[in-house]
Amino acid sequence: MIRLTALLTLLSTTAMAGEIWVTNEKDDTISVISTETLEVVRTYETGERPRGIIFSKDYSRVYICASDSNAVQVMDPNSGEILHELPSGDDPEQFVLHPNDRHLYIANEDDAITTVVDTETRKVIAQIDVGVEPEGMAVSPDGRIAITTSETTNMAHWIDTETQELFANTLVDSRPRHAEFVKDGTEMWVSSEIGGTLTVFDVATQGEKAKIEFEVQGVHPDRVQPVGFEFTAGDTHAYVALGPSNHVAVVNADTYEVEDYILVGRRVWHMDFNADRSLLFTTNGVSGDVTVIDVAKRTAIKSIKVGRFPWGAAFRPTGS
């Protein structure tokens, strides 16, 4: 019985094994963190100013926004080799992979467009005019809608992925940064960095459902700047990076109330969870580290030094 229990524990641990991949803007590198040892285990070189990072569905490829190289790089995550580059338009910052695992929607900050690239043919299949300084990208779970947020126009742009055309534009507060579809695609959330808010939209109507505000004790409101955010299992809570306030907010996704604030590193940008979402890893640009948060306890448990100005984060399972 003891041997069987030990074997099951080992298998469970192996199945949960994974890595957090972190882009370092100033070093042109990726730091790979083990979610078990909570240490950097590898460092890979990239193009200039890497920011957005995502994996293909089977985790055999990793896509990297090399913003100052004006390219999306495709890397073999096992070797760190850059396999090829995709045409991306100027200054790609964030992107999202369609559920078909083929079409990549890329926000081109300098060109006020969203570029759609076929990752198999490596060709641009559409360029969609959006607002000034597009950054955030999201796609609905059913793949029918893509969202681009534009920082200067202060809008979320709704794109029909069949026609690759806009069908709605909705106002948000100043400098929208990040967008996510949640609750089986019935809601779409957008963070507004300078506005200091999160706006929740009803996807069916594109109407505003709620607006979430933040107040960190002892921190001036101008420094409370929501940027990246991620959701716990079941979309019950959102963890929201609040930029130069150096805190992450915990928001109840049903009541839209802020339940907690967690102190992390300096200038927190983005984040991702480990396999079972028991740990959250935040990228802290100014302090050059990653904070590990125990989700159940809502407490920071470790700081991991990475490269200069860490920005994006993406989880990769490594267990078989």
Protein backbone atom coordinates (compact mmCIF):
# COMPACT_ATOMS: atom_id res chain seq x y z
CA MET A 1 0.00 0.00 0.00
CA ILE A 2 2.84 2.39 0.88
CA ARG A 3 4.55 1.68 -2.44
CA LEU A 4 1.29 2.23 -4.33
CA THR A 5 0.68 5.54 -2.54
CA ALA A 6 4.22 6.67 -3.29
CA LEU A 7 3.80 5.71 -6.95
CA LEU A 8 0.52 7.61 -7.26
CA THR A 9 2.12 10.64 -5.62
CA LEU A 10 5.03 10.47 -8.05
CA LEU A 11 2.70 10.16 -11.05
CA SER A 12 0.60 13.07 -9.81
CA THR A 13 3.69 15.22 -9.30
CA THR A 14 4.98 14.34 -12.77
CA ALA A 15 1.63 15.19 -14.35
CA MET A 16 1.68 18.59 -12.64
CA ALA A 17 5.27 19.36 -13.60
CA GLY A 18 5.70 22.51 -15.61
CA GLU A 19 7.51 25.71 -16.44
CA ILE A 20 6.76 29.42 -16.55
CA TRP A 21 8.36 31.16 -19.52
CA VAL A 22 9.14 34.85 -18.92
CA THR A 23 10.15 37.40 -21.56
CA ASN A 24 12.81 39.93 -20.53
CA GLU A 25 12.43 43.18 -22.51
CA LYS A 26 15.87 44.69 -21.86
CA ASP A 27 17.95 41.50 -22.08
CA ASP A 28 16.35 40.06 -25.25
CA THR A 29 15.97 36.73 -23.46
CA ILE A 30 13.47 34.29 -22.00
CA SER A 31 13.89 32.94 -18.47
CA VAL A 32 12.40 29.49 -17.90
CA ILE A 33 11.26 28.82 -14.32
CA SER A 34 10.51 25.37 -12.93
CA THR A 35 7.13 25.38 -11.15
CA GLU A 36 8.46 22.66 -8.81
CA THR A 37 11.83 24.07 -7.72
CA LEU A 38 10.81 27.72 -8.23
CA GLU A 39 14.20 28.41 -9.82
CA VAL A 40 15.33 29.56 -13.27
CA VAL A 41 16.44 26.41 -15.09
CA ARG A 42 17.25 27.79 -18.58
CA THR A 43 17.70 31.08 -20.42
CA TYR A 44 17.16 31.49 -24.17
CA GLU A 45 18.07 34.37 -26.47
CA THR A 46 15.37 36.03 -28.57
CA GLY A 47 14.94 38.95 -30.93
CA GLU A 48 14.86 42.53 -29.72
CA ARG A 49 12.51 43.50 -26.88
CA PRO A 50 10.45 40.33 -26.39
CA ARG A 51 7.04 40.96 -24.83
CA GLY A 52 4.00 38.79 -25.65
CA ILE A 53 4.50 35.01 -25.39
CA ILE A 54 2.13 32.08 -26.01
CA PHE A 55 2.34 28.36 -26.81
CA SER A 56 0.66 26.29 -29.50
CA LYS A 57 -2.04 23.93 -28.26
CA ASP A 58 0.30 20.95 -28.10
CA TYR A 59 3.14 23.08 -26.62
CA SER A 60 5.47 22.06 -29.44
CA ARG A 61 6.02 25.69 -30.47
CA VAL A 62 6.33 28.93 -28.58
CA TYR A 63 5.45 32.24 -30.22
CA ILE A 64 7.31 35.38 -29.12
CA CYS A 65 6.55 39.02 -29.95
CA ALA A 66 10.00 40.44 -30.69
CA SER A 67 8.68 43.99 -30.74
CA ASP A 68 11.78 45.92 -31.84
CA SER A 69 12.63 43.25 -34.41
CA ASN A 70 9.15 43.74 -35.93
CA ALA A 71 8.63 39.99 -35.97
CA VAL A 72 6.89 37.11 -34.27
CA GLN A 73 9.48 34.44 -33.64
CA VAL A 74 8.65 30.74 -33.50
CA MET A 75 10.85 28.75 -31.13
CA ASP A 76 11.30 25.06 -30.40
CA PRO A 77 10.74 25.01 -26.60
CA ASN A 78 12.81 21.86 -26.17
CA SER A 79 15.98 23.25 -27.74
CA GLY A 80 15.47 27.02 -27.61
CA GLU A 81 16.16 27.20 -31.35
CA ILE A 82 14.38 29.93 -33.33
CA LEU A 83 12.74 27.90 -36.10
CA HIS A 84 11.53 30.81 -38.21
CA GLU A 85 9.83 34.19 -38.05
CA LEU A 86 6.29 35.16 -38.99
CA PRO A 87 5.31 38.43 -40.69
CA SER A 88 3.77 40.51 -37.95
CA GLY A 89 3.58 44.15 -38.95
CA ASP A 90 5.45 46.85 -37.03
CA ASP A 91 5.97 46.66 -33.28
CA PRO A 92 4.00 43.55 -32.30
CA GLU A 93 3.22 43.73 -28.58
CA GLN A 94 0.50 41.24 -27.67
CA PHE A 95 -1.16 38.50 -29.66
CA VAL A 96 -3.61 35.65 -29.29
CA LEU A 97 -3.89 32.27 -30.98
CA HIS A 98 -7.28 31.33 -32.43
CA PRO A 99 -8.80 28.07 -31.11
CA ASN A 100 -8.05 26.56 -34.53
CA ASP A 101 -4.37 26.65 -33.42
CA ARG A 102 -3.50 28.25 -36.74
CA HIS A 103 -4.49 31.91 -36.97
CA LEU A 104 -2.50 34.38 -34.90
CA TYR A 105 -4.09 37.78 -34.13
CA ILE A 106 -1.37 40.38 -33.51
CA ALA A 107 -1.68 43.94 -32.18
CA ASN A 108 0.65 46.29 -34.10
CA GLU A 109 1.15 49.27 -31.82
CA ASP A 110 2.86 51.57 -34.32
CA ASP A 111 0.55 50.88 -37.28
CA ALA A 112 -2.94 51.01 -35.67
CA ILE A 113 -3.79 47.65 -37.16
CA THR A 114 -4.44 44.06 -36.14
CA THR A 115 -2.54 41.62 -38.31
CA VAL A 116 -3.84 38.08 -38.81
CA VAL A 117 -1.17 35.53 -39.73
CA ASP A 118 -1.59 31.91 -40.82
CA THR A 119 1.08 30.09 -38.80
CA GLU A 120 1.16 27.16 -41.24
CA THR A 121 1.54 29.06 -44.53
CA ARG A 122 3.43 31.88 -42.72
CA LYS A 123 1.42 34.46 -44.65
CA VAL A 124 -0.64 37.47 -43.63
CA ILE A 125 -4.31 36.73 -44.32
CA ALA A 126 -5.76 40.04 -43.08
CA GLN A 127 -4.87 43.44 -41.71
CA ILE A 128 -7.67 45.18 -39.84
CA ASP A 129 -7.72 48.90 -39.11
CA VAL A 130 -8.30 49.55 -35.41
CA GLY A 131 -7.65 52.44 -33.03
CA VAL A 132 -4.39 54.20 -32.22
CA GLU A 133 -1.77 52.16 -30.34
CA PRO A 134 -3.42 48.73 -30.25
CA GLU A 135 -2.10 46.42 -27.54
CA GLY A 136 -4.49 43.94 -25.88
CA MET A 137 -5.72 40.89 -27.81
CA ALA A 138 -8.29 38.23 -26.96
CA VAL A 139 -10.36 35.65 -28.80
CA SER A 140 -13.61 34.04 -27.68
CA PRO A 141 -13.63 30.33 -26.76
CA ASP A 142 -15.76 29.52 -29.82
CA GLY A 143 -13.35 31.45 -32.04
CA ARG A 144 -16.02 33.72 -33.53
CA ILE A 145 -14.85 37.02 -32.00
CA ALA A 146 -11.45 38.62 -31.59
CA ILE A 147 -10.84 41.75 -29.50
CA THR A 148 -8.20 44.42 -29.93
CA THR A 149 -7.81 47.21 -27.37
CA SER A 150 -6.36 50.55 -28.48
CA GLU A 151 -4.48 52.54 -25.85
CA THR A 152 -4.93 56.03 -27.31
CA THR A 153 -8.41 55.66 -28.82
CA ASN A 154 -9.59 54.08 -25.52
CA MET A 155 -11.70 51.43 -27.21
CA ALA A 156 -12.23 47.71 -27.46
CA HIS A 157 -12.64 46.73 -31.09
CA TRP A 158 -14.81 43.68 -31.83
CA ILE A 159 -13.71 41.62 -34.86
CA ASP A 160 -15.74 38.97 -36.70
CA THR A 161 -13.14 36.26 -37.32
CA GLU A 162 -14.98 34.89 -40.36
CA THR A 163 -15.02 38.18 -42.27
CA GLN A 164 -12.00 39.70 -40.46
CA GLU A 165 -13.98 42.94 -40.12
CA LEU A 166 -15.00 45.12 -37.19
CA PHE A 167 -18.61 44.83 -36.10
CA ALA A 168 -18.52 46.96 -32.94
CA ASN A 169 -16.39 49.48 -31.05
CA THR A 170 -16.92 50.09 -27.34
CA LEU A 171 -15.44 52.83 -25.18
CA VAL A 172 -13.41 52.00 -22.09
CA ASP A 173 -11.42 54.13 -19.68
CA SER A 174 -8.02 55.60 -20.50
CA ARG A 175 -5.24 53.39 -21.92
CA PRO A 176 -6.74 49.91 -22.15
CA ARG A 177 -4.06 47.26 -21.84
CA HIS A 178 -5.37 43.70 -21.61
CA ALA A 179 -8.52 41.77 -22.55
CA GLU A 180 -9.90 38.33 -21.67
CA PHE A 181 -13.07 36.35 -22.45
CA VAL A 182 -14.43 34.51 -19.38
CA LYS A 183 -17.41 32.49 -18.20
CA ASP A 184 -17.58 30.37 -21.37
CA GLY A 185 -17.27 33.47 -23.50
CA THR A 186 -20.32 35.28 -22.11
CA GLU A 187 -18.21 38.09 -20.61
CA MET A 188 -15.23 40.08 -21.87
CA TRP A 189 -13.02 42.02 -19.44
CA VAL A 190 -10.72 44.95 -20.30
CA SER A 191 -8.17 46.64 -18.03
CA SER A 192 -7.57 50.41 -18.32
CA GLU A 193 -4.13 51.36 -17.06
CA ILE A 194 -4.49 55.14 -16.66
CA GLY A 195 -8.23 54.99 -15.99
CA GLY A 196 -7.49 52.64 -13.09
CA THR A 197 -10.43 50.35 -13.83
CA LEU A 198 -11.56 47.00 -15.22
CA THR A 199 -14.63 47.08 -17.48
CA VAL A 200 -16.83 43.99 -17.84
CA PHE A 201 -18.86 43.60 -21.05
CA ASP A 202 -21.80 41.37 -21.93
CA VAL A 203 -20.58 39.67 -25.11
CA ALA A 204 -24.09 39.14 -26.52
CA THR A 205 -24.87 42.86 -26.51
CA GLN A 206 -21.38 44.41 -26.23
CA GLY A 207 -22.92 46.43 -23.38
CA GLU A 208 -21.13 47.32 -20.15
CA LYS A 209 -22.10 45.10 -17.18
CA ALA A 210 -19.79 46.41 -14.49
CA LYS A 211 -16.82 48.63 -13.78
CA ILE A 212 -14.31 47.62 -11.12
CA GLU A 213 -12.21 50.21 -9.29
CA PHE A 214 -9.19 49.73 -7.02
CA GLU A 215 -7.90 51.43 -3.89
CA VAL A 216 -4.64 50.26 -2.33
CA GLN A 217 -4.05 51.54 1.19
CA GLY A 218 -1.06 53.87 1.35
CA VAL A 219 -0.67 54.07 -2.44
CA HIS A 220 -1.56 57.19 -4.45
CA PRO A 221 -4.43 56.51 -6.91
CA ASP A 222 -2.24 57.59 -9.86
CA ARG A 223 0.01 54.59 -9.18
CA VAL A 224 -2.84 52.05 -9.19
CA GLN A 225 -2.71 51.01 -12.85
CA PRO A 226 -4.38 47.72 -13.85
CA VAL A 227 -2.66 45.93 -16.70
CA GLY A 228 -2.49 42.12 -17.09
CA PHE A 229 -4.90 39.75 -15.34
CA GLU A 230 -5.72 36.03 -15.17
CA PHE A 231 -8.58 33.94 -13.78
CA THR A 232 -8.62 31.07 -11.32
CA ALA A 233 -10.19 27.70 -12.13
CA GLY A 234 -13.88 28.10 -12.89
CA ASP A 235 -13.41 31.83 -13.47
CA THR A 236 -14.36 32.52 -9.85
CA HIS A 237 -11.68 35.16 -9.21
CA ALA A 238 -9.49 37.46 -11.25
CA TYR A 239 -5.95 38.27 -10.21
CA VAL A 240 -5.11 41.74 -11.54
CA ALA A 241 -1.63 43.28 -11.87
CA LEU A 242 -1.75 46.89 -10.66
CA GLY A 243 1.48 48.16 -12.21
CA PRO A 244 3.53 50.69 -10.18
CA SER A 245 1.36 50.19 -7.09
CA ASN A 246 3.38 46.94 -6.74
CA HIS A 247 0.23 45.01 -5.82
CA VAL A 248 -1.99 42.33 -7.32
CA ALA A 249 -5.73 42.64 -6.66
CA VAL A 250 -8.03 39.66 -6.10
CA VAL A 251 -11.48 40.30 -7.62
CA ASN A 252 -14.60 38.19 -7.11
CA ALA A 253 -15.72 37.51 -10.69
CA ASP A 254 -19.39 37.12 -9.70
CA THR A 255 -19.86 40.16 -7.46
CA TYR A 256 -17.12 42.27 -9.12
CA GLU A 257 -15.88 43.22 -5.66
CA VAL A 258 -12.18 43.49 -4.77
CA GLU A 259 -11.51 41.02 -1.96
CA ASP A 260 -7.79 41.38 -1.37
CA TYR A 261 -4.50 43.01 -2.35
CA ILE A 262 -1.15 41.20 -2.42
CA LEU A 263 2.21 42.98 -2.31
CA VAL A 264 4.57 41.81 -5.07
CA GLY A 265 7.64 43.20 -6.88
CA ARG A 266 8.01 46.59 -8.51
CA ARG A 267 5.92 47.48 -11.58
CA VAL A 268 3.97 44.24 -11.92
CA TRP A 269 2.96 43.59 -15.54
CA HIS A 270 1.60 40.14 -16.38
CA MET A 271 1.21 36.68 -14.86
CA ASP A 272 0.33 33.03 -15.33
CA PHE A 273 -0.59 30.03 -13.15
CA ASN A 274 1.05 26.64 -12.71
CA ALA A 275 -0.78 23.48 -13.83
CA ASP A 276 -3.30 23.18 -10.99
CA ARG A 277 -3.51 26.98 -10.49
CA SER A 278 -2.29 26.71 -6.92
CA LEU A 279 0.59 29.09 -7.67
CA LEU A 280 0.59 32.37 -9.58
CA PHE A 281 3.76 33.86 -11.11
CA THR A 282 3.86 37.64 -11.71
CA THR A 283 6.39 39.53 -13.83
CA ASN A 284 7.75 42.63 -12.10
CA GLY A 285 9.43 44.91 -14.63
CA VAL A 286 11.36 47.38 -12.51
CA SER A 287 12.61 44.94 -9.86
CA GLY A 288 13.59 42.38 -12.52
CA ASP A 289 11.98 39.44 -10.75
CA VAL A 290 8.98 37.13 -10.61
CA THR A 291 6.81 36.92 -7.49
CA VAL A 292 5.29 33.52 -6.64
CA ILE A 293 1.86 33.75 -4.99
CA ASP A 294 0.20 30.96 -3.01
CA VAL A 295 -3.34 31.26 -4.43
CA ALA A 296 -5.13 29.56 -1.53
CA LYS A 297 -3.41 31.75 1.07
CA ARG A 298 -3.27 34.85 -1.15
CA THR A 299 0.28 35.42 -0.03
CA ALA A 300 3.57 36.01 -1.85
CA ILE A 301 5.92 33.16 -0.96
CA LYS A 302 9.02 33.75 -3.08
CA SER A 303 10.80 36.21 -5.38
CA ILE A 304 12.76 34.75 -8.32
CA LYS A 305 15.38 36.88 -10.06
CA VAL A 306 15.10 36.81 -13.86
CA GLY A 307 16.34 39.18 -16.60
CA ARG A 308 15.91 42.93 -16.93
CA PHE A 309 12.34 44.19 -17.28
CA PRO A 310 10.37 40.92 -17.33
CA TRP A 311 7.10 41.43 -19.20
CA GLY A 312 5.15 38.40 -20.47
CA ALA A 313 4.54 35.01 -18.84
CA ALA A 314 3.24 31.69 -20.18
CA PHE A 315 2.86 28.24 -18.62
CA ARG A 316 4.11 25.05 -20.27
CA PRO A 317 3.44 21.56 -18.85
CA THR A 318 6.42 19.21 -18.86
CA GLY A 319 4.92 16.02 -17.35
CA SER A 320 3.92 13.13 -19.56
